[in-house]
Amino acid sequence: MYNNIGTVFCQMNDFSNVCLYYEKSLAIKKKILPLNHPSLASTFNNLAEISFKRGDYEDALRQFLEVLHIDLRTLPPYHTSLANTYHNIGFIQMEQKHYVQALENITKALDIAKKSNHPDMHE
């Protein structure tokens, strides 16, 4: 429920309350779910997106790396969510002007998307 309340605040662009409710959701999930549960990845992803919108690229990257950590343990190697996570990490690295790492992660995203039959990859 806290996650849903956070999402409402996100729609209202009230980022301080978004973070408050997403953090409450994350704290509860960490207590009751395994550390590699997809629901944790979803909440980390939400927090990363808010950090990105606020221009806090370091925190966004940290949160997306948490998502990647879970994705690598729970998803098939060519899952579109994994491609999205690599893309998000690469995009942040591009914003940080870490171009070599950005290119590496965005290329990983592309490779995964191609192998997953992602609709954006159809020619």
PDB file of N, CA and C in Angstrom:
ATOM      1  N   MET A   1       0.809  -1.194   0.000  1.00  0.00           N
ATOM      2  CA  MET A   1       0.000   0.000   0.000  1.00  0.00           C
ATOM      3  C   MET A   1       0.857   1.264   0.000  1.00  0.00           C
ATOM      4  N   TYR A   2       1.974   1.222   0.753  1.00  0.00           N
ATOM      5  CA  TYR A   2       2.844   2.404   0.785  1.00  0.00           C
ATOM      6  C   TYR A   2       3.378   2.722  -0.607  1.00  0.00           C
ATOM      7  N   ASN A   3       3.713   1.675  -1.353  1.00  0.00           N
ATOM      8  CA  ASN A   3       4.214   1.878  -2.709  1.00  0.00           C
ATOM      9  C   ASN A   3       3.158   2.577  -3.570  1.00  0.00           C
ATOM     10  N   ASN A   4       1.908   2.167  -3.435  1.00  0.00           N
ATOM     11  CA  ASN A   4       0.829   2.782  -4.214  1.00  0.00           C
ATOM     12  C   ASN A   4       0.614   4.240  -3.820  1.00  0.00           C
ATOM     13  N   ILE A   5       0.716   4.533  -2.522  1.00  0.00           N
ATOM     14  CA  ILE A   5       0.597   5.925  -2.077  1.00  0.00           C
ATOM     15  C   ILE A   5       1.738   6.744  -2.677  1.00  0.00           C
ATOM     16  N   GLY A   6       2.939   6.165  -2.676  1.00  0.00           N
ATOM     17  CA  GLY A   6       4.079   6.837  -3.289  1.00  0.00           C
ATOM     18  C   GLY A   6       3.847   7.129  -4.757  1.00  0.00           C
ATOM     19  N   THR A   7       3.221   6.199  -5.447  1.00  0.00           N
ATOM     20  CA  THR A   7       2.937   6.385  -6.864  1.00  0.00           C
ATOM     21  C   THR A   7       1.967   7.547  -7.086  1.00  0.00           C
ATOM     22  N   VAL A   8       0.996   7.697  -6.193  1.00  0.00           N
ATOM     23  CA  VAL A   8       0.071   8.834  -6.291  1.00  0.00           C
ATOM     24  C   VAL A   8       0.843  10.141  -6.117  1.00  0.00           C
ATOM     25  N   PHE A   9       1.721  10.191  -5.111  1.00  0.00           N
ATOM     26  CA  PHE A   9       2.531  11.394  -4.915  1.00  0.00           C
ATOM     27  C   PHE A   9       3.433  11.657  -6.120  1.00  0.00           C
ATOM     28  N   CYS A  10       3.889  10.593  -6.768  1.00  0.00           N
ATOM     29  CA  CYS A  10       4.712  10.754  -7.972  1.00  0.00           C
ATOM     30  C   CYS A  10       3.907  11.441  -9.065  1.00  0.00           C
ATOM     31  N   GLN A  11       2.660  11.043  -9.237  1.00  0.00           N
ATOM     32  CA  GLN A  11       1.801  11.673 -10.236  1.00  0.00           C
ATOM     33  C   GLN A  11       1.588  13.154  -9.941  1.00  0.00           C
ATOM     34  N   MET A  12       1.693  13.505  -8.648  1.00  0.00           N
ATOM     35  CA  MET A  12       1.518  14.894  -8.222  1.00  0.00           C
ATOM     36  C   MET A  12       2.846  15.663  -8.212  1.00  0.00           C
ATOM     37  N   ASN A  13       3.944  14.982  -8.614  1.00  0.00           N
ATOM     38  CA  ASN A  13       5.296  15.553  -8.590  1.00  0.00           C
ATOM     39  C   ASN A  13       5.716  16.008  -7.196  1.00  0.00           C
ATOM     40  N   ASP A  14       5.225  15.339  -6.168  1.00  0.00           N
ATOM     41  CA  ASP A  14       5.595  15.609  -4.779  1.00  0.00           C
ATOM     42  C   ASP A  14       6.684  14.610  -4.388  1.00  0.00           C
ATOM     43  N   PHE A  15       7.914  14.895  -4.821  1.00  0.00           N
ATOM     44  CA  PHE A  15       8.994  13.921  -4.714  1.00  0.00           C
ATOM     45  C   PHE A  15       9.408  13.613  -3.282  1.00  0.00           C
ATOM     46  N   SER A  16       9.286  14.554  -2.364  1.00  0.00           N
ATOM     47  CA  SER A  16       9.676  14.253  -0.989  1.00  0.00           C
ATOM     48  C   SER A  16       8.740  13.203  -0.392  1.00  0.00           C
ATOM     49  N   ASN A  17       7.443  13.310  -0.663  1.00  0.00           N
ATOM     50  CA  ASN A  17       6.511  12.293  -0.172  1.00  0.00           C
ATOM     51  C   ASN A  17       6.631  10.989  -0.947  1.00  0.00           C
ATOM     52  N   VAL A  18       6.953  11.074  -2.218  1.00  0.00           N
ATOM     53  CA  VAL A  18       7.180   9.854  -2.999  1.00  0.00           C
ATOM     54  C   VAL A  18       8.267   9.028  -2.326  1.00  0.00           C
ATOM     55  N   CYS A  19       9.391   9.660  -2.058  1.00  0.00           N
ATOM     56  CA  CYS A  19      10.519   8.947  -1.446  1.00  0.00           C
ATOM     57  C   CYS A  19      10.147   8.397  -0.077  1.00  0.00           C
ATOM     58  N   LEU A  20       9.436   9.179   0.706  1.00  0.00           N
ATOM     59  CA  LEU A  20       9.023   8.742   2.038  1.00  0.00           C
ATOM     60  C   LEU A  20       8.226   7.440   1.958  1.00  0.00           C
ATOM     61  N   TYR A  21       7.257   7.390   1.069  1.00  0.00           N
ATOM     62  CA  TYR A  21       6.410   6.202   0.984  1.00  0.00           C
ATOM     63  C   TYR A  21       7.104   5.034   0.290  1.00  0.00           C
ATOM     64  N   TYR A  22       7.914   5.300  -0.709  1.00  0.00           N
ATOM     65  CA  TYR A  22       8.676   4.213  -1.324  1.00  0.00           C
ATOM     66  C   TYR A  22       9.669   3.624  -0.327  1.00  0.00           C
ATOM     67  N   GLU A  23      10.292   4.469   0.481  1.00  0.00           N
ATOM     68  CA  GLU A  23      11.235   3.972   1.496  1.00  0.00           C
ATOM     69  C   GLU A  23      10.507   3.138   2.549  1.00  0.00           C
ATOM     70  N   LYS A  24       9.309   3.553   2.958  1.00  0.00           N
ATOM     71  CA  LYS A  24       8.519   2.752   3.903  1.00  0.00           C
ATOM     72  C   LYS A  24       8.200   1.394   3.289  1.00  0.00           C
ATOM     73  N   SER A  25       7.798   1.401   2.037  1.00  0.00           N
ATOM     74  CA  SER A  25       7.493   0.160   1.339  1.00  0.00           C
ATOM     75  C   SER A  25       8.719  -0.745   1.289  1.00  0.00           C
ATOM     76  N   LEU A  26       9.857  -0.162   0.960  1.00  0.00           N
ATOM     77  CA  LEU A  26      11.097  -0.930   0.864  1.00  0.00           C
ATOM     78  C   LEU A  26      11.480  -1.532   2.211  1.00  0.00           C
ATOM     79  N   ALA A  27      11.359  -0.760   3.282  1.00  0.00           N
ATOM     80  CA  ALA A  27      11.715  -1.251   4.618  1.00  0.00           C
ATOM     81  C   ALA A  27      10.862  -2.460   5.004  1.00  0.00           C
ATOM     82  N   ILE A  28       9.579  -2.394   4.711  1.00  0.00           N
ATOM     83  CA  ILE A  28       8.686  -3.515   5.026  1.00  0.00           C
ATOM     84  C   ILE A  28       9.042  -4.731   4.183  1.00  0.00           C
ATOM     85  N   LYS A  29       9.250  -4.512   2.892  1.00  0.00           N
ATOM     86  CA  LYS A  29       9.579  -5.625   1.996  1.00  0.00           C
ATOM     87  C   LYS A  29      10.884  -6.298   2.402  1.00  0.00           C
ATOM     88  N   LYS A  30      11.871  -5.517   2.836  1.00  0.00           N
ATOM     89  CA  LYS A  30      13.151  -6.096   3.255  1.00  0.00           C
ATOM     90  C   LYS A  30      12.992  -6.996   4.479  1.00  0.00           C
ATOM     91  N   LYS A  31      11.999  -6.691   5.315  1.00  0.00           N
ATOM     92  CA  LYS A  31      11.767  -7.497   6.516  1.00  0.00           C
ATOM     93  C   LYS A  31      11.055  -8.808   6.209  1.00  0.00           C
ATOM     94  N   ILE A  32      10.193  -8.817   5.199  1.00  0.00           N
ATOM     95  CA  ILE A  32       9.337  -9.993   4.996  1.00  0.00           C
ATOM     96  C   ILE A  32       9.638 -10.800   3.731  1.00  0.00           C
ATOM     97  N   LEU A  33      10.412 -10.240   2.824  1.00  0.00           N
ATOM     98  CA  LEU A  33      10.679 -10.929   1.557  1.00  0.00           C
ATOM     99  C   LEU A  33      12.143 -11.339   1.458  1.00  0.00           C
ATOM    100  N   PRO A  34      12.427 -12.367   0.662  1.00  0.00           N
ATOM    101  CA  PRO A  34      13.830 -12.691   0.383  1.00  0.00           C
ATOM    102  C   PRO A  34      14.512 -11.502  -0.303  1.00  0.00           C
ATOM    103  N   LEU A  35      15.805 -11.358  -0.087  1.00  0.00           N
ATOM    104  CA  LEU A  35      16.534 -10.196  -0.603  1.00  0.00           C
ATOM    105  C   LEU A  35      16.583 -10.119  -2.122  1.00  0.00           C
ATOM    106  N   ASN A  36      16.263 -11.207  -2.802  1.00  0.00           N
ATOM    107  CA  ASN A  36      16.267 -11.173  -4.269  1.00  0.00           C
ATOM    108  C   ASN A  36      14.846 -11.214  -4.839  1.00  0.00           C
ATOM    109  N   HIS A  37      13.871 -10.816  -4.062  1.00  0.00           N
ATOM    110  CA  HIS A  37      12.474 -10.860  -4.513  1.00  0.00           C
ATOM    111  C   HIS A  37      12.211  -9.767  -5.555  1.00  0.00           C
ATOM    112  N   PRO A  38      11.497 -10.095  -6.629  1.00  0.00           N
ATOM    113  CA  PRO A  38      11.208  -9.101  -7.674  1.00  0.00           C
ATOM    114  C   PRO A  38      10.479  -7.853  -7.164  1.00  0.00           C
ATOM    115  N   SER A  39       9.701  -7.988  -6.117  1.00  0.00           N
ATOM    116  CA  SER A  39       9.008  -6.823  -5.568  1.00  0.00           C
ATOM    117  C   SER A  39      10.000  -5.801  -5.012  1.00  0.00           C
ATOM    118  N   LEU A  40      11.103  -6.284  -4.455  1.00  0.00           N
ATOM    119  CA  LEU A  40      12.165  -5.373  -4.009  1.00  0.00           C
ATOM    120  C   LEU A  40      12.769  -4.652  -5.208  1.00  0.00           C
ATOM    121  N   ALA A  41      13.003  -5.385  -6.277  1.00  0.00           N
ATOM    122  CA  ALA A  41      13.558  -4.767  -7.485  1.00  0.00           C
ATOM    123  C   ALA A  41      12.636  -3.675  -7.999  1.00  0.00           C
ATOM    124  N   SER A  42      11.346  -3.922  -7.950  1.00  0.00           N
ATOM    125  CA  SER A  42      10.379  -2.930  -8.411  1.00  0.00           C
ATOM    126  C   SER A  42      10.447  -1.655  -7.579  1.00  0.00           C
ATOM    127  N   THR A  43      10.559  -1.800  -6.271  1.00  0.00           N
ATOM    128  CA  THR A  43      10.629  -0.620  -5.410  1.00  0.00           C
ATOM    129  C   THR A  43      11.955   0.107  -5.588  1.00  0.00           C
ATOM    130  N   PHE A  44      13.056  -0.636  -5.702  1.00  0.00           N
ATOM    131  CA  PHE A  44      14.343   0.010  -5.988  1.00  0.00           C
ATOM    132  C   PHE A  44      14.262   0.778  -7.308  1.00  0.00           C
ATOM    133  N   ASN A  45      13.601   0.183  -8.292  1.00  0.00           N
ATOM    134  CA  ASN A  45      13.442   0.837  -9.591  1.00  0.00           C
ATOM    135  C   ASN A  45      12.663   2.147  -9.445  1.00  0.00           C
ATOM    136  N   ASN A  46      11.584   2.112  -8.672  1.00  0.00           N
ATOM    137  CA  ASN A  46      10.803   3.328  -8.437  1.00  0.00           C
ATOM    138  C   ASN A  46      11.656   4.411  -7.781  1.00  0.00           C
ATOM    139  N   LEU A  47      12.424   4.024  -6.768  1.00  0.00           N
ATOM    140  CA  LEU A  47      13.295   4.989  -6.087  1.00  0.00           C
ATOM    141  C   LEU A  47      14.346   5.552  -7.040  1.00  0.00           C
ATOM    142  N   ALA A  48      14.885   4.691  -7.897  1.00  0.00           N
ATOM    143  CA  ALA A  48      15.891   5.140  -8.862  1.00  0.00           C
ATOM    144  C   ALA A  48      15.307   6.167  -9.822  1.00  0.00           C
ATOM    145  N   GLU A  49      14.109   5.909 -10.290  1.00  0.00           N
ATOM    146  CA  GLU A  49      13.479   6.847 -11.225  1.00  0.00           C
ATOM    147  C   GLU A  49      13.239   8.204 -10.573  1.00  0.00           C
ATOM    148  N   ILE A  50      12.850   8.215  -9.301  1.00  0.00           N
ATOM    149  CA  ILE A  50      12.640   9.479  -8.594  1.00  0.00           C
ATOM    150  C   ILE A  50      13.971  10.196  -8.406  1.00  0.00           C
ATOM    151  N   SER A  51      15.000   9.464  -8.021  1.00  0.00           N
ATOM    152  CA  SER A  51      16.321  10.083  -7.864  1.00  0.00           C
ATOM    153  C   SER A  51      16.794  10.681  -9.181  1.00  0.00           C
ATOM    154  N   PHE A  52      16.541   9.963 -10.276  1.00  0.00           N
ATOM    155  CA  PHE A  52      16.924  10.480 -11.585  1.00  0.00           C
ATOM    156  C   PHE A  52      16.182  11.778 -11.888  1.00  0.00           C
ATOM    157  N   LYS A  53      14.872  11.792 -11.647  1.00  0.00           N
ATOM    158  CA  LYS A  53      14.073  12.998 -11.906  1.00  0.00           C
ATOM    159  C   LYS A  53      14.549  14.178 -11.068  1.00  0.00           C
ATOM    160  N   ARG A  54      15.062  13.900  -9.883  1.00  0.00           N
ATOM    161  CA  ARG A  54      15.560  14.952  -9.000  1.00  0.00           C
ATOM    162  C   ARG A  54      16.990  15.366  -9.361  1.00  0.00           C
ATOM    163  N   GLY A  55      17.603  14.663 -10.305  1.00  0.00           N
ATOM    164  CA  GLY A  55      18.964  14.981 -10.713  1.00  0.00           C
ATOM    165  C   GLY A  55      20.025  14.375  -9.819  1.00  0.00           C
ATOM    166  N   ASP A  56      19.628  13.457  -8.939  1.00  0.00           N
ATOM    167  CA  ASP A  56      20.576  12.781  -8.051  1.00  0.00           C
ATOM    168  C   ASP A  56      21.033  11.494  -8.735  1.00  0.00           C
ATOM    169  N   TYR A  57      21.966  11.659  -9.675  1.00  0.00           N
ATOM    170  CA  TYR A  57      22.388  10.536 -10.505  1.00  0.00           C
ATOM    171  C   TYR A  57      23.131   9.466  -9.716  1.00  0.00           C
ATOM    172  N   GLU A  58      23.884   9.868  -8.702  1.00  0.00           N
ATOM    173  CA  GLU A  58      24.602   8.880  -7.887  1.00  0.00           C
ATOM    174  C   GLU A  58      23.618   7.947  -7.189  1.00  0.00           C
ATOM    175  N   ASP A  59      22.586   8.522  -6.577  1.00  0.00           N
ATOM    176  CA  ASP A  59      21.599   7.688  -5.889  1.00  0.00           C
ATOM    177  C   ASP A  59      20.810   6.855  -6.890  1.00  0.00           C
ATOM    178  N   ALA A  60      20.451   7.437  -8.017  1.00  0.00           N
ATOM    179  CA  ALA A  60      19.729   6.680  -9.047  1.00  0.00           C
ATOM    180  C   ALA A  60      20.559   5.490  -9.510  1.00  0.00           C
ATOM    181  N   LEU A  61      21.841   5.715  -9.730  1.00  0.00           N
ATOM    182  CA  LEU A  61      22.716   4.624 -10.154  1.00  0.00           C
ATOM    183  C   LEU A  61      22.795   3.548  -9.078  1.00  0.00           C
ATOM    184  N   ARG A  62      22.927   3.961  -7.833  1.00  0.00           N
ATOM    185  CA  ARG A  62      22.993   3.002  -6.720  1.00  0.00           C
ATOM    186  C   ARG A  62      21.721   2.149  -6.682  1.00  0.00           C
ATOM    187  N   GLN A  63      20.575   2.786  -6.848  1.00  0.00           N
ATOM    188  CA  GLN A  63      19.304   2.055  -6.811  1.00  0.00           C
ATOM    189  C   GLN A  63      19.173   1.108  -8.013  1.00  0.00           C
ATOM    190  N   PHE A  64      19.553   1.584  -9.204  1.00  0.00           N
ATOM    191  CA  PHE A  64      19.473   0.717 -10.383  1.00  0.00           C
ATOM    192  C   PHE A  64      20.448  -0.458 -10.281  1.00  0.00           C
ATOM    193  N   LEU A  65      21.580  -0.258  -9.625  1.00  0.00           N
ATOM    194  CA  LEU A  65      22.501  -1.380  -9.412  1.00  0.00           C
ATOM    195  C   LEU A  65      21.885  -2.417  -8.473  1.00  0.00           C
ATOM    196  N   GLU A  66      21.078  -1.974  -7.521  1.00  0.00           N
ATOM    197  CA  GLU A  66      20.329  -2.915  -6.671  1.00  0.00           C
ATOM    198  C   GLU A  66      19.346  -3.716  -7.525  1.00  0.00           C
ATOM    199  N   VAL A  67      18.675  -3.031  -8.437  1.00  0.00           N
ATOM    200  CA  VAL A  67      17.747  -3.715  -9.349  1.00  0.00           C
ATOM    201  C   VAL A  67      18.507  -4.750 -10.168  1.00  0.00           C
ATOM    202  N   LEU A  68      19.646  -4.354 -10.717  1.00  0.00           N
ATOM    203  CA  LEU A  68      20.451  -5.273 -11.527  1.00  0.00           C
ATOM    204  C   LEU A  68      20.871  -6.492 -10.713  1.00  0.00           C
ATOM    205  N   HIS A  69      21.290  -6.272  -9.480  1.00  0.00           N
ATOM    206  CA  HIS A  69      21.707  -7.358  -8.593  1.00  0.00           C
ATOM    207  C   HIS A  69      20.581  -8.396  -8.460  1.00  0.00           C
ATOM    208  N   ILE A  70      19.365  -7.921  -8.277  1.00  0.00           N
ATOM    209  CA  ILE A  70      18.217  -8.826  -8.152  1.00  0.00           C
ATOM    210  C   ILE A  70      17.877  -9.454  -9.505  1.00  0.00           C
ATOM    211  N   ASP A  71      17.843  -8.643 -10.550  1.00  0.00           N
ATOM    212  CA  ASP A  71      17.503  -9.150 -11.892  1.00  0.00           C
ATOM    213  C   ASP A  71      18.427 -10.284 -12.322  1.00  0.00           C
ATOM    214  N   LEU A  72      19.716 -10.117 -12.080  1.00  0.00           N
ATOM    215  CA  LEU A  72      20.682 -11.134 -12.509  1.00  0.00           C
ATOM    216  C   LEU A  72      20.468 -12.463 -11.797  1.00  0.00           C
ATOM    217  N   ARG A  73      19.893 -12.425 -10.615  1.00  0.00           N
ATOM    218  CA  ARG A  73      19.663 -13.643  -9.847  1.00  0.00           C
ATOM    219  C   ARG A  73      18.279 -14.256 -10.077  1.00  0.00           C
ATOM    220  N   THR A  74      17.367 -13.480 -10.634  1.00  0.00           N
ATOM    221  CA  THR A  74      15.989 -13.973 -10.703  1.00  0.00           C
ATOM    222  C   THR A  74      15.412 -14.072 -12.113  1.00  0.00           C
ATOM    223  N   LEU A  75      16.018 -13.418 -13.063  1.00  0.00           N
ATOM    224  CA  LEU A  75      15.449 -13.393 -14.414  1.00  0.00           C
ATOM    225  C   LEU A  75      16.273 -14.232 -15.382  1.00  0.00           C
ATOM    226  N   PRO A  76      15.631 -14.727 -16.429  1.00  0.00           N
ATOM    227  CA  PRO A  76      16.394 -15.389 -17.492  1.00  0.00           C
ATOM    228  C   PRO A  76      17.367 -14.390 -18.124  1.00  0.00           C
ATOM    229  N   PRO A  77      18.448 -14.875 -18.712  1.00  0.00           N
ATOM    230  CA  PRO A  77      19.487 -13.966 -19.221  1.00  0.00           C
ATOM    231  C   PRO A  77      19.034 -13.024 -20.330  1.00  0.00           C
ATOM    232  N   TYR A  78      17.925 -13.322 -20.994  1.00  0.00           N
ATOM    233  CA  TYR A  78      17.479 -12.464 -22.092  1.00  0.00           C
ATOM    234  C   TYR A  78      16.104 -11.862 -21.818  1.00  0.00           C
ATOM    235  N   HIS A  79      15.842 -11.557 -20.577  1.00  0.00           N
ATOM    236  CA  HIS A  79      14.561 -10.969 -20.178  1.00  0.00           C
ATOM    237  C   HIS A  79      14.572  -9.467 -20.464  1.00  0.00           C
ATOM    238  N   THR A  80      13.457  -8.951 -20.960  1.00  0.00           N
ATOM    239  CA  THR A  80      13.403  -7.526 -21.314  1.00  0.00           C
ATOM    240  C   THR A  80      13.600  -6.610 -20.108  1.00  0.00           C
ATOM    241  N   SER A  81      13.211  -7.049 -18.925  1.00  0.00           N
ATOM    242  CA  SER A  81      13.446  -6.219 -17.731  1.00  0.00           C
ATOM    243  C   SER A  81      14.937  -6.050 -17.471  1.00  0.00           C
ATOM    244  N   LEU A  82      15.700  -7.086 -17.737  1.00  0.00           N
ATOM    245  CA  LEU A  82      17.151  -6.998 -17.582  1.00  0.00           C
ATOM    246  C   LEU A  82      17.722  -6.002 -18.593  1.00  0.00           C
ATOM    247  N   ALA A  83      17.218  -6.047 -19.806  1.00  0.00           N
ATOM    248  CA  ALA A  83      17.646  -5.073 -20.823  1.00  0.00           C
ATOM    249  C   ALA A  83      17.315  -3.656 -20.374  1.00  0.00           C
ATOM    250  N   ASN A  84      16.124  -3.461 -19.837  1.00  0.00           N
ATOM    251  CA  ASN A  84      15.733  -2.130 -19.364  1.00  0.00           C
ATOM    252  C   ASN A  84      16.638  -1.640 -18.242  1.00  0.00           C
ATOM    253  N   THR A  85      17.009  -2.539 -17.343  1.00  0.00           N
ATOM    254  CA  THR A  85      17.877  -2.151 -16.229  1.00  0.00           C
ATOM    255  C   THR A  85      19.247  -1.726 -16.747  1.00  0.00           C
ATOM    256  N   TYR A  86      19.827  -2.507 -17.657  1.00  0.00           N
ATOM    257  CA  TYR A  86      21.116  -2.109 -18.238  1.00  0.00           C
ATOM    258  C   TYR A  86      20.991  -0.773 -18.972  1.00  0.00           C
ATOM    259  N   HIS A  87      19.888  -0.588 -19.676  1.00  0.00           N
ATOM    260  CA  HIS A  87      19.676   0.674 -20.387  1.00  0.00           C
ATOM    261  C   HIS A  87      19.618   1.837 -19.404  1.00  0.00           C
ATOM    262  N   ASN A  88      18.867   1.674 -18.321  1.00  0.00           N
ATOM    263  CA  ASN A  88      18.756   2.741 -17.323  1.00  0.00           C
ATOM    264  C   ASN A  88      20.109   3.080 -16.703  1.00  0.00           C
ATOM    265  N   ILE A  89      20.893   2.056 -16.397  1.00  0.00           N
ATOM    266  CA  ILE A  89      22.229   2.282 -15.839  1.00  0.00           C
ATOM    267  C   ILE A  89      23.087   3.035 -16.852  1.00  0.00           C
ATOM    268  N   GLY A  90      23.054   2.593 -18.098  1.00  0.00           N
ATOM    269  CA  GLY A  90      23.834   3.264 -19.133  1.00  0.00           C
ATOM    270  C   GLY A  90      23.412   4.701 -19.351  1.00  0.00           C
ATOM    271  N   PHE A  91      22.122   4.952 -19.286  1.00  0.00           N
ATOM    272  CA  PHE A  91      21.624   6.311 -19.484  1.00  0.00           C
ATOM    273  C   PHE A  91      22.119   7.237 -18.373  1.00  0.00           C
ATOM    274  N   ILE A  92      22.109   6.757 -17.146  1.00  0.00           N
ATOM    275  CA  ILE A  92      22.633   7.561 -16.033  1.00  0.00           C
ATOM    276  C   ILE A  92      24.122   7.809 -16.225  1.00  0.00           C
ATOM    277  N   GLN A  93      24.850   6.770 -16.606  1.00  0.00           N
ATOM    278  CA  GLN A  93      26.288   6.939 -16.831  1.00  0.00           C
ATOM    279  C   GLN A  93      26.554   7.937 -17.945  1.00  0.00           C
ATOM    280  N   MET A  94      25.701   7.966 -18.947  1.00  0.00           N
ATOM    281  CA  MET A  94      25.840   8.956 -20.011  1.00  0.00           C
ATOM    282  C   MET A  94      25.635  10.359 -19.442  1.00  0.00           C
ATOM    283  N   GLU A  95      24.625  10.535 -18.595  1.00  0.00           N
ATOM    284  CA  GLU A  95      24.379  11.832 -17.963  1.00  0.00           C
ATOM    285  C   GLU A  95      25.571  12.259 -17.105  1.00  0.00           C
ATOM    286  N   GLN A  96      26.260  11.283 -16.526  1.00  0.00           N
ATOM    287  CA  GLN A  96      27.432  11.562 -15.695  1.00  0.00           C
ATOM    288  C   GLN A  96      28.702  11.731 -16.534  1.00  0.00           C
ATOM    289  N   LYS A  97      28.557  11.616 -17.834  1.00  0.00           N
ATOM    290  CA  LYS A  97      29.668  11.715 -18.781  1.00  0.00           C
ATOM    291  C   LYS A  97      30.677  10.567 -18.626  1.00  0.00           C
ATOM    292  N   HIS A  98      30.202   9.434 -18.167  1.00  0.00           N
ATOM    293  CA  HIS A  98      31.003   8.213 -18.101  1.00  0.00           C
ATOM    294  C   HIS A  98      30.668   7.402 -19.354  1.00  0.00           C
ATOM    295  N   TYR A  99      31.150   7.901 -20.469  1.00  0.00           N
ATOM    296  CA  TYR A  99      30.704   7.402 -21.772  1.00  0.00           C
ATOM    297  C   TYR A  99      31.099   5.960 -22.060  1.00  0.00           C
ATOM    298  N   VAL A 100      32.276   5.543 -21.625  1.00  0.00           N
ATOM    299  CA  VAL A 100      32.704   4.169 -21.901  1.00  0.00           C
ATOM    300  C   VAL A 100      31.785   3.184 -21.188  1.00  0.00           C
ATOM    301  N   GLN A 101      31.522   3.446 -19.901  1.00  0.00           N
ATOM    302  CA  GLN A 101      30.627   2.558 -19.151  1.00  0.00           C
ATOM    303  C   GLN A 101      29.203   2.630 -19.700  1.00  0.00           C
ATOM    304  N   ALA A 102      28.773   3.833 -20.078  1.00  0.00           N
ATOM    305  CA  ALA A 102      27.428   3.995 -20.633  1.00  0.00           C
ATOM    306  C   ALA A 102      27.271   3.162 -21.901  1.00  0.00           C
ATOM    307  N   LEU A 103      28.244   3.258 -22.787  1.00  0.00           N
ATOM    308  CA  LEU A 103      28.186   2.500 -24.035  1.00  0.00           C
ATOM    309  C   LEU A 103      28.167   0.999 -23.761  1.00  0.00           C
ATOM    310  N   GLU A 104      28.959   0.567 -22.804  1.00  0.00           N
ATOM    311  CA  GLU A 104      29.007  -0.851 -22.447  1.00  0.00           C
ATOM    312  C   GLU A 104      27.632  -1.340 -21.967  1.00  0.00           C
ATOM    313  N   ASN A 105      27.005  -0.585 -21.088  1.00  0.00           N
ATOM    314  CA  ASN A 105      25.716  -1.022 -20.543  1.00  0.00           C
ATOM    315  C   ASN A 105      24.580  -0.886 -21.544  1.00  0.00           C
ATOM    316  N   ILE A 106      24.598   0.148 -22.353  1.00  0.00           N
ATOM    317  CA  ILE A 106      23.551   0.288 -23.363  1.00  0.00           C
ATOM    318  C   ILE A 106      23.705  -0.782 -24.443  1.00  0.00           C
ATOM    319  N   THR A 107      24.934  -1.155 -24.756  1.00  0.00           N
ATOM    320  CA  THR A 107      25.175  -2.251 -25.696  1.00  0.00           C
ATOM    321  C   THR A 107      24.670  -3.573 -25.125  1.00  0.00           C
ATOM    322  N   LYS A 108      24.905  -3.811 -23.825  1.00  0.00           N
ATOM    323  CA  LYS A 108      24.355  -5.014 -23.185  1.00  0.00           C
ATOM    324  C   LYS A 108      22.832  -5.017 -23.300  1.00  0.00           C
ATOM    325  N   ALA A 109      22.230  -3.862 -23.061  1.00  0.00           N
ATOM    326  CA  ALA A 109      20.772  -3.757 -23.163  1.00  0.00           C
ATOM    327  C   ALA A 109      20.305  -4.117 -24.569  1.00  0.00           C
ATOM    328  N   LEU A 110      20.996  -3.598 -25.567  1.00  0.00           N
ATOM    329  CA  LEU A 110      20.642  -3.883 -26.956  1.00  0.00           C
ATOM    330  C   LEU A 110      20.787  -5.369 -27.268  1.00  0.00           C
ATOM    331  N   ASP A 111      21.888  -5.971 -26.842  1.00  0.00           N
ATOM    332  CA  ASP A 111      22.105  -7.398 -27.092  1.00  0.00           C
ATOM    333  C   ASP A 111      21.001  -8.246 -26.466  1.00  0.00           C
ATOM    334  N   ILE A 112      20.634  -7.921 -25.239  1.00  0.00           N
ATOM    335  CA  ILE A 112      19.575  -8.668 -24.563  1.00  0.00           C
ATOM    336  C   ILE A 112      18.246  -8.452 -25.277  1.00  0.00           C
ATOM    337  N   ALA A 113      17.963  -7.219 -25.633  1.00  0.00           N
ATOM    338  CA  ALA A 113      16.698  -6.919 -26.313  1.00  0.00           C
ATOM    339  C   ALA A 113      16.591  -7.671 -27.637  1.00  0.00           C
ATOM    340  N   LYS A 114      17.685  -7.738 -28.384  1.00  0.00           N
ATOM    341  CA  LYS A 114      17.672  -8.472 -29.659  1.00  0.00           C
ATOM    342  C   LYS A 114      17.362  -9.949 -29.438  1.00  0.00           C
ATOM    343  N   LYS A 115      17.961 -10.533 -28.414  1.00  0.00           N
ATOM    344  CA  LYS A 115      17.780 -11.962 -28.153  1.00  0.00           C
ATOM    345  C   LYS A 115      16.438 -12.271 -27.505  1.00  0.00           C
ATOM    346  N   SER A 116      15.783 -11.263 -26.979  1.00  0.00           N
ATOM    347  CA  SER A 116      14.507 -11.490 -26.291  1.00  0.00           C
ATOM    348  C   SER A 116      13.308 -11.287 -27.211  1.00  0.00           C
ATOM    349  N   ASN A 117      13.566 -10.984 -28.467  1.00  0.00           N
ATOM    350  CA  ASN A 117      12.495 -10.666 -29.417  1.00  0.00           C
ATOM    351  C   ASN A 117      11.691  -9.448 -28.975  1.00  0.00           C
ATOM    352  N   HIS A 118      12.377  -8.494 -28.402  1.00  0.00           N
ATOM    353  CA  HIS A 118      11.737  -7.253 -27.959  1.00  0.00           C
ATOM    354  C   HIS A 118      11.092  -6.580 -29.169  1.00  0.00           C
ATOM    355  N   PRO A 119       9.870  -6.051 -29.021  1.00  0.00           N
ATOM    356  CA  PRO A 119       9.176  -5.458 -30.181  1.00  0.00           C
ATOM    357  C   PRO A 119       9.928  -4.290 -30.821  1.00  0.00           C
ATOM    358  N   ASP A 120      10.741  -3.576 -30.063  1.00  0.00           N
ATOM    359  CA  ASP A 120      11.518  -2.476 -30.638  1.00  0.00           C
ATOM    360  C   ASP A 120      12.626  -2.968 -31.565  1.00  0.00           C
ATOM    361  N   MET A 121      12.899  -4.265 -31.547  1.00  0.00           N
ATOM    362  CA  MET A 121      14.003  -4.807 -32.330  1.00  0.00           C
ATOM    363  C   MET A 121      13.557  -5.367 -33.671  1.00  0.00           C
ATOM    364  N   HIS A 122      12.262  -5.368 -33.933  1.00  0.00           N
ATOM    365  CA  HIS A 122      11.781  -5.877 -35.225  1.00  0.00           C
ATOM    366  C   HIS A 122      12.084  -4.869 -36.322  1.00  0.00           C
ATOM    367  N   GLU A 123      12.573  -5.378 -37.424  1.00  0.00           N
ATOM    368  CA  GLU A 123      12.925  -4.503 -38.547  1.00  0.00           C
ATOM    369  C   GLU A 123      11.857  -4.538 -39.604  1.00  0.00           C
TER     370      GLU A 123
END
